[in-house]
Amino acid sequence: MSEPVLPPFAELLVFATVGLSFILGILNVRISSLKLAVFNRWARWFAVSTGAAYLAFEAGWFDRPFWALLVVFFLGWLLLETLYTWFAISALSQSGLSLFPRFSENNTGEEWPAQKKLIEVKDWLSQQGFARTQALVAEIAPGVKVRSSIFQSADSTMRLQVLFVPQNNGDIGFCFSFSSETEEGERIVTDNLYMPYGGFYPGNWSVVRKPWCRSVKRLFGMHSKRVANQRLVPYDMEPIHDLNEQQRALEKTNIEEGFLVPTHLQEEYGRITWEGRYRVWKEVWLLNYLGISSR
């Protein structure tokens, strides 16, 4: 009996997938882009699956058709990714990384990166009547700091927090978070943060997260629609005190809801509960492969 032969189009698919993954991997190192990162992860997944299935088929290690081997290795990569992410979340739970870091005033003079896109953002905010109110910084780990600039609308009913996040390639990523408060005490937040959260929000918070939206103009339009029929109140608390109060409220809520282990037990059991770790894993997977938040 002759050995099974892989059709030419299947071989072409294997090499094309591996080549695409290689190209996207190089671009992903050089360019900080959520969309590119998502496509790169999918390409890597298919490249590993098709490449491993091809090698196993050609070597005759398994008496199975190519498509069956492809499915097995595809699911095998999913299992490996799941285990890796789960161990990373467990390490985070035991680490000293601050989950709800407190902000302090940024007096270093390093506030706004000199990037063309960010300069355009600053000019656009000025045209819309937003004025910078404070520059802040939070240390999430020893030597790792996240800078933030706070802007406020002319009528003080809308605040924008711009977060500058260091990237692995040395670049500076940035995210936007618009917020407003109503007379009824509701906090309305519209942001494009792409960092996994997975936790709970206080009951009076209404949060919409749009990681795919990287335009401050579009995000501002979304937030404006959400608050169009709301009775808003102007902010009267300094941004630094407001943000730190938010961090305390988030930490308290997540302990009460079972996402975080109570403070006096964290040294023994870690900081994140098993339910919390599952929620973070789900959030990581959705952001990594779909670019969306579970919320």
Protein backbone atom coordinates (compact mmCIF):
# COMPACT_ATOMS: atom_id res chain seq x y z
CA MET A 1 0.00 0.00 0.00
CA SER A 2 1.39 3.43 -0.96
CA GLU A 3 2.05 6.07 1.66
CA PRO A 4 -0.59 8.82 1.91
CA VAL A 5 0.48 12.00 0.12
CA LEU A 6 -0.45 15.51 1.15
CA PRO A 7 -2.20 17.45 -1.65
CA PRO A 8 -0.15 20.34 -3.10
CA PHE A 9 -2.66 22.96 -1.92
CA ALA A 10 -2.32 21.66 1.65
CA GLU A 11 1.47 21.99 1.51
CA LEU A 12 1.10 25.50 0.14
CA LEU A 13 -1.26 26.33 3.02
CA VAL A 14 1.27 25.08 5.58
CA PHE A 15 4.17 27.12 4.21
CA ALA A 16 2.00 30.22 3.67
CA THR A 17 0.74 30.06 7.27
CA VAL A 18 4.23 29.67 8.71
CA GLY A 19 5.55 32.50 6.51
CA LEU A 20 2.70 34.82 7.50
CA SER A 21 3.29 34.08 11.17
CA PHE A 22 7.00 34.86 10.77
CA ILE A 23 6.30 38.22 9.10
CA LEU A 24 3.62 39.24 11.60
CA GLY A 25 5.90 38.22 14.48
CA ILE A 26 8.62 40.59 13.26
CA LEU A 27 6.15 43.44 12.75
CA ASN A 28 4.58 42.86 16.16
CA VAL A 29 7.97 43.35 17.85
CA ARG A 30 8.53 46.65 16.04
CA ILE A 31 4.99 48.09 16.06
CA SER A 32 2.74 48.45 19.11
CA SER A 33 -0.73 47.69 17.77
CA LEU A 34 -3.58 45.74 19.34
CA LYS A 35 -4.94 44.68 15.94
CA LEU A 36 -1.55 43.46 14.78
CA ALA A 37 -1.01 41.61 18.07
CA VAL A 38 -4.37 39.81 17.69
CA PHE A 39 -3.66 38.78 14.08
CA ASN A 40 -0.14 37.69 15.09
CA ARG A 41 -1.48 35.38 17.81
CA TRP A 42 -3.97 33.76 15.42
CA ALA A 43 -1.25 33.36 12.77
CA ARG A 44 1.10 31.80 15.32
CA TRP A 45 -1.62 29.41 16.47
CA PHE A 46 -2.34 28.23 12.92
CA ALA A 47 1.37 28.13 12.04
CA VAL A 48 2.22 25.89 14.98
CA SER A 49 -0.82 23.66 14.34
CA THR A 50 -0.30 23.25 10.61
CA GLY A 51 3.49 22.96 10.92
CA ALA A 52 3.34 20.27 13.61
CA ALA A 53 0.61 18.38 11.74
CA TYR A 54 2.67 18.53 8.53
CA LEU A 55 5.80 17.19 10.22
CA ALA A 56 3.87 14.40 11.95
CA PHE A 57 2.07 13.46 8.72
CA GLU A 58 5.23 13.43 6.58
CA ALA A 59 7.16 11.45 9.21
CA GLY A 60 4.33 8.91 9.45
CA TRP A 61 4.24 9.09 13.25
CA PHE A 62 0.47 8.65 13.36
CA ASP A 63 -1.83 6.64 11.14
CA ARG A 64 -4.27 9.51 10.77
CA PRO A 65 -5.20 11.90 7.94
CA PHE A 66 -3.67 15.38 7.88
CA TRP A 67 -6.89 17.17 8.85
CA ALA A 68 -7.25 15.00 11.98
CA LEU A 69 -3.67 15.77 13.03
CA LEU A 70 -4.32 19.46 12.40
CA VAL A 71 -7.32 19.41 14.75
CA VAL A 72 -5.33 17.58 17.45
CA PHE A 73 -2.40 20.02 17.34
CA PHE A 74 -4.78 22.98 17.14
CA LEU A 75 -6.46 21.89 20.38
CA GLY A 76 -3.08 21.00 21.86
CA TRP A 77 -1.85 24.58 21.38
CA LEU A 78 -5.02 25.83 23.07
CA LEU A 79 -4.24 23.59 26.05
CA LEU A 80 -0.64 24.83 26.24
CA GLU A 81 -1.75 28.46 26.04
CA THR A 82 -4.32 27.84 28.77
CA LEU A 83 -1.75 26.26 31.09
CA TYR A 84 0.79 29.03 30.44
CA THR A 85 -1.77 31.77 31.10
CA TRP A 86 -3.04 30.02 34.22
CA PHE A 87 0.49 29.70 35.66
CA ALA A 88 1.14 33.38 34.81
CA ILE A 89 -2.03 34.43 36.67
CA SER A 90 -1.04 32.26 39.65
CA ALA A 91 2.39 33.93 39.66
CA LEU A 92 0.68 37.34 39.54
CA SER A 93 -1.46 36.35 42.51
CA GLN A 94 1.67 35.55 44.54
CA SER A 95 3.75 38.49 43.28
CA GLY A 96 4.23 41.96 44.70
CA LEU A 97 2.78 43.60 41.58
CA SER A 98 0.23 46.20 42.62
CA LEU A 99 -3.26 45.29 41.39
CA PHE A 100 -4.80 48.64 42.36
CA PRO A 101 -1.84 51.05 42.45
CA ARG A 102 -2.15 54.45 44.09
CA PHE A 103 -1.27 57.58 42.15
CA SER A 104 1.04 60.40 43.15
CA GLU A 105 1.89 63.68 41.44
CA ASN A 106 4.38 63.43 38.60
CA ASN A 107 7.01 66.10 39.19
CA THR A 108 9.72 64.61 36.97
CA GLY A 109 8.82 66.67 33.90
CA GLU A 110 8.36 63.45 31.89
CA GLU A 111 4.69 63.75 31.22
CA TRP A 112 3.72 63.72 27.54
CA PRO A 113 5.77 61.57 25.12
CA ALA A 114 6.95 63.37 21.99
CA GLN A 115 5.07 61.14 19.55
CA LYS A 116 3.30 62.57 16.52
CA LYS A 117 0.02 60.81 17.33
CA LEU A 118 0.06 62.05 20.92
CA ILE A 119 0.85 65.61 19.88
CA GLU A 120 -2.17 65.47 17.56
CA VAL A 121 -4.29 64.11 20.43
CA LYS A 122 -3.21 66.99 22.67
CA ASP A 123 -4.05 69.55 19.97
CA TRP A 124 -7.46 67.96 19.40
CA LEU A 125 -8.26 68.00 23.12
CA SER A 126 -7.39 71.69 23.26
CA GLN A 127 -9.75 72.37 20.35
CA GLN A 128 -12.56 70.56 22.20
CA GLY A 129 -12.08 72.72 25.28
CA PHE A 130 -10.29 70.13 27.43
CA ALA A 131 -7.63 71.51 29.77
CA ARG A 132 -4.92 69.52 31.52
CA THR A 133 -5.46 69.50 35.27
CA GLN A 134 -2.81 67.12 36.66
CA ALA A 135 0.08 64.84 35.74
CA LEU A 136 0.22 61.65 37.81
CA VAL A 137 2.30 58.51 38.14
CA ALA A 138 1.70 55.09 39.70
CA GLU A 139 4.31 52.46 40.50
CA ILE A 140 2.93 49.02 39.69
CA ALA A 141 6.20 47.20 40.43
CA PRO A 142 9.70 48.22 41.54
CA GLY A 143 11.08 50.35 38.71
CA VAL A 144 7.92 50.00 36.59
CA LYS A 145 5.79 53.13 36.50
CA VAL A 146 2.66 54.10 34.61
CA ARG A 147 2.30 57.79 33.83
CA SER A 148 -1.04 59.49 33.44
CA SER A 149 -2.34 62.92 32.40
CA ILE A 150 -5.78 64.14 33.42
CA PHE A 151 -7.84 66.52 31.27
CA GLN A 152 -11.16 68.13 32.11
CA SER A 153 -13.88 69.60 29.91
CA ALA A 154 -14.75 73.29 30.02
CA ASP A 155 -17.89 72.65 32.11
CA SER A 156 -16.01 70.15 34.38
CA THR A 157 -18.59 67.40 33.75
CA MET A 158 -16.21 65.14 31.84
CA ARG A 159 -12.72 63.94 32.64
CA LEU A 160 -10.23 62.17 30.45
CA GLN A 161 -7.43 60.05 31.84
CA VAL A 162 -4.63 59.33 29.37
CA LEU A 163 -2.51 56.38 30.49
CA PHE A 164 1.00 55.83 29.13
CA VAL A 165 2.02 52.18 29.37
CA PRO A 166 5.59 50.94 28.71
CA GLN A 167 5.76 48.24 25.99
CA ASN A 168 8.15 45.30 25.71
CA ASN A 169 9.71 46.79 22.56
CA GLY A 170 10.55 50.03 24.37
CA ASP A 171 7.66 51.92 22.83
CA ILE A 172 5.04 53.79 24.86
CA GLY A 173 1.45 52.60 24.50
CA PHE A 174 -1.42 54.87 25.45
CA CYS A 175 -5.06 54.42 26.42
CA PHE A 176 -7.96 56.80 27.02
CA SER A 177 -10.63 56.73 29.71
CA PHE A 178 -13.53 59.21 29.71
CA SER A 179 -15.66 59.49 32.84
CA SER A 180 -18.63 61.51 34.07
CA GLU A 181 -20.82 61.50 37.17
CA THR A 182 -24.58 61.95 37.35
CA GLU A 183 -26.78 63.64 39.94
CA GLU A 184 -27.93 60.15 41.00
CA GLY A 185 -24.35 59.22 41.92
CA GLU A 186 -23.66 57.00 38.92
CA ARG A 187 -20.17 56.97 37.44
CA ILE A 188 -20.18 56.49 33.66
CA VAL A 189 -16.88 55.32 32.16
CA THR A 190 -15.96 54.76 28.51
CA ASP A 191 -12.42 53.57 27.86
CA ASN A 192 -10.24 51.62 25.43
CA LEU A 193 -7.94 49.93 27.93
CA TYR A 194 -6.47 46.69 26.55
CA MET A 195 -4.94 45.45 29.82
CA PRO A 196 -6.87 42.47 31.26
CA TYR A 197 -8.95 43.27 34.33
CA GLY A 198 -11.46 40.50 35.02
CA GLY A 199 -12.61 41.98 38.33
CA PHE A 200 -15.83 43.61 39.48
CA TYR A 201 -16.91 47.25 39.53
CA PRO A 202 -18.91 49.03 42.24
CA GLY A 203 -22.66 48.88 41.74
CA ASN A 204 -22.96 52.56 40.79
CA TRP A 205 -20.41 52.25 37.97
CA SER A 206 -21.42 51.84 34.32
CA VAL A 207 -18.35 50.82 32.32
CA VAL A 208 -18.04 50.28 28.57
CA ARG A 209 -14.66 49.08 27.30
CA LYS A 210 -13.72 49.35 23.60
CA PRO A 211 -10.13 48.08 23.14
CA TRP A 212 -10.44 48.08 19.32
CA CYS A 213 -11.15 51.81 19.30
CA ARG A 214 -7.77 53.57 19.33
CA SER A 215 -9.12 57.00 18.30
CA VAL A 216 -9.70 59.54 21.08
CA LYS A 217 -12.19 61.32 18.83
CA ARG A 218 -14.34 58.22 18.30
CA LEU A 219 -14.16 57.26 21.98
CA PHE A 220 -15.21 60.79 22.92
CA GLY A 221 -18.20 60.44 20.57
CA MET A 222 -19.21 57.15 22.21
CA HIS A 223 -18.99 58.63 25.69
CA SER A 224 -20.89 61.78 24.66
CA LYS A 225 -23.77 59.64 23.38
CA ARG A 226 -23.87 57.69 26.64
CA VAL A 227 -24.16 60.83 28.76
CA ALA A 228 -26.30 62.87 26.35
CA ASN A 229 -29.54 62.40 28.32
CA GLN A 230 -27.94 62.27 31.77
CA ARG A 231 -27.97 65.01 34.39
CA LEU A 232 -24.27 65.42 35.01
CA VAL A 233 -22.56 67.12 37.92
CA PRO A 234 -19.20 68.91 37.68
CA TYR A 235 -16.17 67.32 39.30
CA ASP A 236 -15.19 69.08 42.52
CA MET A 237 -12.47 66.70 43.75
CA GLU A 238 -8.86 66.87 42.57
CA PRO A 239 -8.03 64.09 40.07
CA ILE A 240 -5.36 62.51 42.28
CA HIS A 241 -7.76 62.16 45.23
CA ASP A 242 -10.59 61.00 42.97
CA LEU A 243 -8.44 58.32 41.28
CA ASN A 244 -7.06 57.00 44.55
CA GLU A 245 -10.56 56.89 45.99
CA GLN A 246 -11.62 54.89 42.93
CA GLN A 247 -8.74 52.45 43.48
CA ARG A 248 -9.77 51.94 47.10
CA ALA A 249 -13.41 51.40 46.05
CA LEU A 250 -12.35 48.86 43.40
CA GLU A 251 -10.19 46.95 45.86
CA LYS A 252 -12.97 46.88 48.48
CA THR A 253 -15.56 45.77 45.91
CA ASN A 254 -13.38 42.94 44.61
CA ILE A 255 -12.75 41.60 48.10
CA GLU A 256 -16.50 41.69 48.84
CA GLU A 257 -17.39 40.02 45.52
CA GLY A 258 -14.87 37.21 45.98
CA PHE A 259 -12.39 38.23 43.28
CA LEU A 260 -9.67 39.03 45.82
CA VAL A 261 -8.76 37.03 48.89
CA PRO A 262 -9.31 38.98 52.16
CA THR A 263 -6.21 40.98 53.06
CA HIS A 264 -5.29 38.96 56.17
CA LEU A 265 -5.29 35.70 54.15
CA GLN A 266 -3.43 36.89 51.05
CA GLU A 267 0.04 35.92 52.29
CA GLU A 268 -1.11 32.31 52.71
CA TYR A 269 -3.46 31.88 49.72
CA GLY A 270 -2.33 34.55 47.28
CA ARG A 271 -4.31 37.62 46.36
CA ILE A 272 -6.67 36.33 43.65
CA THR A 273 -9.30 33.67 44.35
CA TRP A 274 -9.83 30.69 42.04
CA GLU A 275 -12.97 32.31 40.63
CA GLY A 276 -11.00 35.50 40.11
CA ARG A 277 -8.22 33.64 38.30
CA TYR A 278 -10.78 32.11 35.93
CA ARG A 279 -12.24 35.55 35.23
CA VAL A 280 -8.77 36.93 34.48
CA TRP A 281 -7.97 33.95 32.23
CA LYS A 282 -11.18 34.52 30.27
CA GLU A 283 -10.40 38.24 29.95
CA VAL A 284 -6.83 37.50 28.76
CA TRP A 285 -8.08 35.05 26.14
CA LEU A 286 -10.75 37.43 24.82
CA LEU A 287 -8.29 40.32 24.58
CA ASN A 288 -5.50 38.22 23.07
CA TYR A 289 -7.56 36.50 20.38
CA LEU A 290 -10.61 38.71 19.83
CA GLY A 291 -9.46 42.11 21.06
CA ILE A 292 -12.58 42.53 23.19
CA SER A 293 -13.37 42.77 26.88
CA SER A 294 -15.76 40.39 28.63
CA ARG A 295 -17.61 43.42 29.92
